[in-house]
Structures are given as C-alpha cells and as structure tokens.
C-alpha cells in the first residue's frame, strides 16, 4: 500500500479522494511547502553560465 508523502500514513488508492495524500490536511501542508519554496525542481544551467554572468571567461585571462 502506498504511503502519504507528507506523514507516511498508508493511503488506500480506491477509497481515499485525496490520493496521493491521506487527507486534505496533508495535501494543504504539501501545497504550503511548494508555495514557501521548501520544495523545488532542479534547474540545469548551460555550461559556463556562471562565468558569463560576470563577463569573465574563468580561465584567468582577461
């Protein structure tokens, strides 16, 4: 049986209307974490992007 991602309680996929959460409370907690930026998605930056931002090549030459 799958578990709620917030509190780890078992979740009945057939009977629980708030799947994948066990309750509205856990669903609201999860939403709050996204809105407060406690969660985030990884972001890929182009290679050398950090160097381009400051206008330097990063190789020690000017």
C-alpha atoms as a PDB file:
ATOM      1  CA  UNK A   1       0.000   0.000   0.000  1.00  0.00           C
ATOM      2  CA  UNK A   2       1.418   3.427  -0.927  1.00  0.00           C
ATOM      3  CA  UNK A   3       2.243   5.971   1.759  1.00  0.00           C
ATOM      4  CA  UNK A   4       1.353   9.640   2.095  1.00  0.00           C
ATOM      5  CA  UNK A   5       4.369  11.765   1.062  1.00  0.00           C
ATOM      6  CA  UNK A   6       3.802  14.146   3.999  1.00  0.00           C
ATOM      7  CA  UNK A   7       3.097  11.919   7.023  1.00  0.00           C
ATOM      8  CA  UNK A   8       3.836   8.416   5.676  1.00  0.00           C
ATOM      9  CA  UNK A   9       0.376   7.095   6.603  1.00  0.00           C
ATOM     10  CA  UNK A  10      -0.952   4.314   4.373  1.00  0.00           C
ATOM     11  CA  UNK A  11      -3.172   5.548   1.531  1.00  0.00           C
ATOM     12  CA  UNK A  12      -5.977   3.428   0.081  1.00  0.00           C
ATOM     13  CA  UNK A  13      -5.899   4.255  -3.629  1.00  0.00           C
ATOM     14  CA  UNK A  14      -9.541   3.238  -4.093  1.00  0.00           C
ATOM     15  CA  UNK A  15     -11.200   4.849  -1.059  1.00  0.00           C
ATOM     16  CA  UNK A  16      -9.113   7.977  -0.495  1.00  0.00           C
ATOM     17  CA  UNK A  17     -10.271  11.011  -2.524  1.00  0.00           C
ATOM     18  CA  UNK A  18      -7.056  12.956  -1.796  1.00  0.00           C
ATOM     19  CA  UNK A  19      -4.607  10.493  -3.384  1.00  0.00           C
ATOM     20  CA  UNK A  20      -1.590  10.541  -3.124  1.00  0.00           C
ATOM     21  CA  UNK A  21      -2.181  12.212   0.248  1.00  0.00           C
ATOM     22  CA  UNK A  22      -4.020  10.601   3.159  1.00  0.00           C
ATOM     23  CA  UNK A  23      -6.101  13.715   3.909  1.00  0.00           C
ATOM     24  CA  UNK A  24      -6.880  17.307   2.949  1.00  0.00           C
ATOM     25  CA  UNK A  25      -4.589  18.401   5.779  1.00  0.00           C
ATOM     26  CA  UNK A  26      -1.547  16.667   4.253  1.00  0.00           C
ATOM     27  CA  UNK A  27      -2.457  17.966   0.792  1.00  0.00           C
ATOM     28  CA  UNK A  28      -2.566  21.527   2.191  1.00  0.00           C
ATOM     29  CA  UNK A  29       0.752  21.056   4.004  1.00  0.00           C
ATOM     30  CA  UNK A  30       2.354  19.901   0.749  1.00  0.00           C
ATOM     31  CA  UNK A  31       0.956  22.888  -1.162  1.00  0.00           C
ATOM     32  CA  UNK A  32       2.284  25.228   1.524  1.00  0.00           C
ATOM     33  CA  UNK A  33       5.748  23.712   1.176  1.00  0.00           C
ATOM     34  CA  UNK A  34       5.710  24.393  -2.579  1.00  0.00           C
ATOM     35  CA  UNK A  35       4.466  27.946  -2.099  1.00  0.00           C
ATOM     36  CA  UNK A  36       7.101  28.668   0.578  1.00  0.00           C
ATOM     37  CA  UNK A  37       9.733  27.230  -1.765  1.00  0.00           C
ATOM     38  CA  UNK A  38      10.661  24.474   0.678  1.00  0.00           C
ATOM     39  CA  UNK A  39      10.447  22.200  -2.354  1.00  0.00           C
ATOM     40  CA  UNK A  40      11.887  22.959  -5.724  1.00  0.00           C
ATOM     41  CA  UNK A  41      12.757  21.435  -9.036  1.00  0.00           C
ATOM     42  CA  UNK A  42      16.370  21.042 -10.062  1.00  0.00           C
ATOM     43  CA  UNK A  43      17.446  23.513 -12.698  1.00  0.00           C
ATOM     44  CA  UNK A  44      20.037  22.899 -15.362  1.00  0.00           C
ATOM     45  CA  UNK A  45      22.223  25.819 -16.280  1.00  0.00           C
ATOM     46  CA  UNK A  46      24.100  25.972 -19.561  1.00  0.00           C
ATOM     47  CA  UNK A  47      27.779  25.159 -19.157  1.00  0.00           C
ATOM     48  CA  UNK A  48      29.715  28.300 -18.401  1.00  0.00           C
ATOM     49  CA  UNK A  49      26.592  30.240 -17.393  1.00  0.00           C
ATOM     50  CA  UNK A  50      28.134  31.320 -14.087  1.00  0.00           C
ATOM     51  CA  UNK A  51      31.157  32.703 -15.941  1.00  0.00           C
ATOM     52  CA  UNK A  52      29.000  34.524 -18.493  1.00  0.00           C
ATOM     53  CA  UNK A  53      27.038  36.340 -15.790  1.00  0.00           C
ATOM     54  CA  UNK A  54      30.043  38.290 -14.555  1.00  0.00           C
ATOM     55  CA  UNK A  55      31.582  38.721 -18.012  1.00  0.00           C
ATOM     56  CA  UNK A  56      34.686  36.706 -17.264  1.00  0.00           C
ATOM     57  CA  UNK A  57      35.863  33.589 -19.011  1.00  0.00           C
ATOM     58  CA  UNK A  58      37.028  31.944 -15.763  1.00  0.00           C
ATOM     59  CA  UNK A  59      40.339  30.823 -17.240  1.00  0.00           C
ATOM     60  CA  UNK A  60      42.428  33.548 -15.613  1.00  0.00           C
ATOM     61  CA  UNK A  61      42.954  35.527 -18.822  1.00  0.00           C
ATOM     62  CA  UNK A  62      41.495  38.978 -19.379  1.00  0.00           C
END
